[in-house]
Amino acid sequence: MKQVTIHQAKTHLSRLIKEALEGEEIVIAKGKQPMVKLVVVPEMQKQRQIGVAPDFILYMAEDFDAPLEDFAEYMS
């Protein structure tokens, strides 16, 4: 959680919005007293995307898809 003053929020609003969109919780305070929380509208939250980490799998065994002997009786 990140807490900023009203003055800091006015000065750095664009950056704070970007951070909130990236998942950071932003609280705006008057002095040290928290007043409001900057939250992302649900429709604007990032959706999970398949295939965005193509180099994530470093190694996959040749027999990865081979049937497991332990489950042979369940497969038939």
N, C-alpha and C. Protein backbone atom coordinates (compact mmCIF):
# COMPACT_ATOMS: atom_id res chain seq x y z
N MET A 1 0.84 -1.18 0.00
CA MET A 1 0.00 0.00 0.00
C MET A 1 0.89 1.24 0.00
N LYS A 2 0.50 2.18 -0.81
CA LYS A 2 1.25 3.42 -0.92
C LYS A 2 0.34 4.56 -0.46
N GLN A 3 0.83 5.39 0.45
CA GLN A 3 0.05 6.52 0.94
C GLN A 3 0.72 7.81 0.50
N VAL A 4 -0.08 8.70 -0.08
CA VAL A 4 0.42 10.00 -0.53
C VAL A 4 -0.49 11.09 0.02
N THR A 5 0.06 12.30 0.08
CA THR A 5 -0.75 13.44 0.51
C THR A 5 -1.58 13.95 -0.67
N ILE A 6 -2.56 14.80 -0.36
CA ILE A 6 -3.39 15.38 -1.41
C ILE A 6 -2.53 16.17 -2.39
N HIS A 7 -1.58 16.91 -1.88
CA HIS A 7 -0.69 17.69 -2.75
C HIS A 7 0.11 16.76 -3.68
N GLN A 8 0.66 15.68 -3.13
CA GLN A 8 1.41 14.73 -3.96
C GLN A 8 0.49 14.09 -5.00
N ALA A 9 -0.75 13.79 -4.61
CA ALA A 9 -1.69 13.17 -5.54
C ALA A 9 -2.01 14.11 -6.70
N LYS A 10 -2.20 15.41 -6.39
CA LYS A 10 -2.46 16.38 -7.46
C LYS A 10 -1.26 16.52 -8.38
N THR A 11 -0.07 16.49 -7.81
CA THR A 11 1.14 16.67 -8.59
C THR A 11 1.46 15.46 -9.46
N HIS A 12 1.19 14.26 -8.95
CA HIS A 12 1.60 13.03 -9.63
C HIS A 12 0.42 12.12 -9.99
N LEU A 13 -0.73 12.73 -10.32
CA LEU A 13 -1.93 11.94 -10.55
C LEU A 13 -1.76 10.90 -11.67
N SER A 14 -1.17 11.29 -12.78
CA SER A 14 -0.99 10.35 -13.90
C SER A 14 -0.18 9.13 -13.47
N ARG A 15 0.91 9.35 -12.75
CA ARG A 15 1.75 8.25 -12.28
C ARG A 15 0.99 7.37 -11.29
N LEU A 16 0.22 7.98 -10.40
CA LEU A 16 -0.53 7.20 -9.42
C LEU A 16 -1.62 6.36 -10.09
N ILE A 17 -2.25 6.90 -11.13
CA ILE A 17 -3.25 6.13 -11.88
C ILE A 17 -2.58 4.93 -12.54
N LYS A 18 -1.42 5.14 -13.13
CA LYS A 18 -0.69 4.04 -13.77
C LYS A 18 -0.35 2.96 -12.74
N GLU A 19 0.13 3.37 -11.57
CA GLU A 19 0.47 2.41 -10.53
C GLU A 19 -0.76 1.65 -10.05
N ALA A 20 -1.90 2.33 -9.93
CA ALA A 20 -3.13 1.66 -9.52
C ALA A 20 -3.56 0.64 -10.56
N LEU A 21 -3.43 0.99 -11.84
CA LEU A 21 -3.77 0.06 -12.91
C LEU A 21 -2.87 -1.17 -12.89
N GLU A 22 -1.65 -1.01 -12.39
CA GLU A 22 -0.71 -2.13 -12.30
C GLU A 22 -0.89 -2.94 -11.02
N GLY A 23 -1.86 -2.55 -10.17
CA GLY A 23 -2.16 -3.35 -8.99
C GLY A 23 -1.76 -2.73 -7.66
N GLU A 24 -1.11 -1.60 -7.68
CA GLU A 24 -0.69 -0.93 -6.44
C GLU A 24 -1.91 -0.32 -5.75
N GLU A 25 -1.99 -0.45 -4.43
CA GLU A 25 -3.07 0.17 -3.67
C GLU A 25 -2.60 1.56 -3.27
N ILE A 26 -3.36 2.59 -3.67
CA ILE A 26 -2.99 3.98 -3.42
C ILE A 26 -4.00 4.60 -2.45
N VAL A 27 -3.51 5.14 -1.33
CA VAL A 27 -4.34 5.84 -0.36
C VAL A 27 -3.92 7.30 -0.35
N ILE A 28 -4.93 8.18 -0.45
CA ILE A 28 -4.65 9.62 -0.42
C ILE A 28 -5.04 10.13 0.96
N ALA A 29 -4.10 10.85 1.58
CA ALA A 29 -4.28 11.30 2.96
C ALA A 29 -4.21 12.81 3.06
N LYS A 30 -4.87 13.32 4.08
CA LYS A 30 -4.75 14.75 4.43
C LYS A 30 -3.80 14.78 5.62
N GLY A 31 -2.58 15.19 5.35
CA GLY A 31 -1.54 15.07 6.38
C GLY A 31 -1.19 13.59 6.51
N LYS A 32 -1.41 13.04 7.71
CA LYS A 32 -1.16 11.61 7.91
C LYS A 32 -2.47 10.83 8.04
N GLN A 33 -3.61 11.54 7.95
CA GLN A 33 -4.92 10.90 8.10
C GLN A 33 -5.42 10.40 6.74
N PRO A 34 -5.53 9.07 6.53
CA PRO A 34 -6.05 8.55 5.26
C PRO A 34 -7.47 9.05 5.01
N MET A 35 -7.72 9.45 3.77
CA MET A 35 -9.04 10.01 3.41
C MET A 35 -9.75 9.15 2.37
N VAL A 36 -9.06 8.83 1.28
CA VAL A 36 -9.68 8.08 0.18
C VAL A 36 -8.69 7.08 -0.40
N LYS A 37 -9.24 6.12 -1.13
CA LYS A 37 -8.41 5.11 -1.80
C LYS A 37 -8.66 5.21 -3.30
N LEU A 38 -7.58 5.20 -4.07
CA LEU A 38 -7.66 5.22 -5.52
C LEU A 38 -7.81 3.77 -5.99
N VAL A 39 -8.95 3.45 -6.60
CA VAL A 39 -9.19 2.08 -7.04
C VAL A 39 -9.47 2.04 -8.53
N VAL A 40 -9.22 0.90 -9.13
CA VAL A 40 -9.44 0.70 -10.56
C VAL A 40 -10.87 0.25 -10.79
N VAL A 41 -11.52 0.83 -11.78
CA VAL A 41 -12.85 0.39 -12.18
C VAL A 41 -12.71 -1.05 -12.70
N PRO A 42 -13.56 -1.98 -12.24
CA PRO A 42 -13.40 -3.40 -12.61
C PRO A 42 -13.25 -3.66 -14.11
N GLU A 43 -13.95 -2.91 -14.94
CA GLU A 43 -13.85 -3.12 -16.40
C GLU A 43 -12.48 -2.76 -16.94
N MET A 44 -11.70 -1.97 -16.20
CA MET A 44 -10.39 -1.52 -16.67
C MET A 44 -9.25 -2.39 -16.16
N GLN A 45 -9.54 -3.35 -15.29
CA GLN A 45 -8.48 -4.20 -14.77
C GLN A 45 -7.94 -5.07 -15.89
N LYS A 46 -6.65 -5.32 -15.84
CA LYS A 46 -6.00 -6.14 -16.86
C LYS A 46 -6.56 -7.55 -16.83
N GLN A 47 -6.82 -8.07 -18.00
CA GLN A 47 -7.28 -9.44 -18.13
C GLN A 47 -6.06 -10.34 -18.35
N ARG A 48 -6.15 -11.55 -17.85
CA ARG A 48 -5.06 -12.50 -18.06
C ARG A 48 -4.96 -12.81 -19.55
N GLN A 49 -3.74 -12.91 -20.03
CA GLN A 49 -3.51 -13.22 -21.43
C GLN A 49 -2.67 -14.48 -21.54
N ILE A 50 -3.11 -15.37 -22.38
CA ILE A 50 -2.37 -16.61 -22.61
C ILE A 50 -1.27 -16.34 -23.62
N GLY A 51 -0.10 -16.86 -23.35
CA GLY A 51 1.00 -16.75 -24.29
C GLY A 51 1.85 -15.51 -24.16
N VAL A 52 1.76 -14.79 -23.05
CA VAL A 52 2.56 -13.58 -22.90
C VAL A 52 3.97 -13.86 -22.38
N ALA A 53 4.25 -15.11 -22.02
CA ALA A 53 5.59 -15.48 -21.54
C ALA A 53 6.11 -16.66 -22.36
N PRO A 54 6.39 -16.44 -23.65
CA PRO A 54 6.77 -17.55 -24.52
C PRO A 54 8.05 -18.26 -24.11
N ASP A 55 8.95 -17.60 -23.43
CA ASP A 55 10.22 -18.22 -23.04
C ASP A 55 10.17 -18.78 -21.63
N PHE A 56 8.98 -18.90 -21.04
CA PHE A 56 8.85 -19.35 -19.66
C PHE A 56 9.20 -20.83 -19.51
N ILE A 57 8.79 -21.68 -20.44
CA ILE A 57 9.09 -23.11 -20.37
C ILE A 57 10.51 -23.31 -20.91
N LEU A 58 11.41 -23.74 -20.04
CA LEU A 58 12.79 -23.92 -20.43
C LEU A 58 13.06 -25.33 -20.93
N TYR A 59 12.31 -26.32 -20.40
CA TYR A 59 12.54 -27.71 -20.78
C TYR A 59 11.26 -28.49 -20.57
N MET A 60 10.95 -29.37 -21.52
CA MET A 60 9.81 -30.28 -21.38
C MET A 60 10.28 -31.65 -21.86
N ALA A 61 10.09 -32.65 -21.02
CA ALA A 61 10.54 -34.01 -21.34
C ALA A 61 9.84 -34.55 -22.58
N GLU A 62 10.51 -35.41 -23.31
CA GLU A 62 9.95 -36.02 -24.53
C GLU A 62 8.68 -36.80 -24.22
N ASP A 63 8.62 -37.43 -23.03
CA ASP A 63 7.47 -38.27 -22.69
C ASP A 63 6.43 -37.51 -21.85
N PHE A 64 6.38 -36.23 -21.98
CA PHE A 64 5.47 -35.41 -21.19
C PHE A 64 4.01 -35.86 -21.33
N ASP A 65 3.59 -36.16 -22.55
CA ASP A 65 2.21 -36.55 -22.82
C ASP A 65 1.96 -38.05 -22.74
N ALA A 66 2.97 -38.83 -22.39
CA ALA A 66 2.81 -40.29 -22.32
C ALA A 66 1.89 -40.66 -21.17
N PRO A 67 1.08 -41.72 -21.35
CA PRO A 67 0.20 -42.16 -20.27
C PRO A 67 1.01 -42.60 -19.04
N LEU A 68 0.47 -42.36 -17.86
CA LEU A 68 1.13 -42.75 -16.62
C LEU A 68 0.70 -44.16 -16.25
N GLU A 69 1.67 -45.00 -15.91
CA GLU A 69 1.38 -46.39 -15.55
C GLU A 69 0.48 -46.47 -14.32
N ASP A 70 0.64 -45.57 -13.37
CA ASP A 70 -0.16 -45.57 -12.16
C ASP A 70 -1.66 -45.39 -12.42
N PHE A 71 -1.99 -44.77 -13.56
CA PHE A 71 -3.39 -44.49 -13.86
C PHE A 71 -3.92 -45.33 -15.02
N ALA A 72 -3.23 -46.39 -15.39
CA ALA A 72 -3.62 -47.21 -16.52
C ALA A 72 -5.03 -47.77 -16.35
N GLU A 73 -5.38 -48.22 -15.16
CA GLU A 73 -6.71 -48.81 -14.94
C GLU A 73 -7.82 -47.76 -15.09
N TYR A 74 -7.54 -46.52 -14.83
CA TYR A 74 -8.55 -45.47 -14.97
C TYR A 74 -8.71 -45.00 -16.41
N MET A 75 -7.70 -45.24 -17.23
CA MET A 75 -7.70 -44.77 -18.60
C MET A 75 -8.51 -45.67 -19.53
N SER A 76 -8.79 -46.88 -19.10
CA SER A 76 -9.48 -47.82 -20.02
C SER A 76 -10.96 -47.81 -19.81
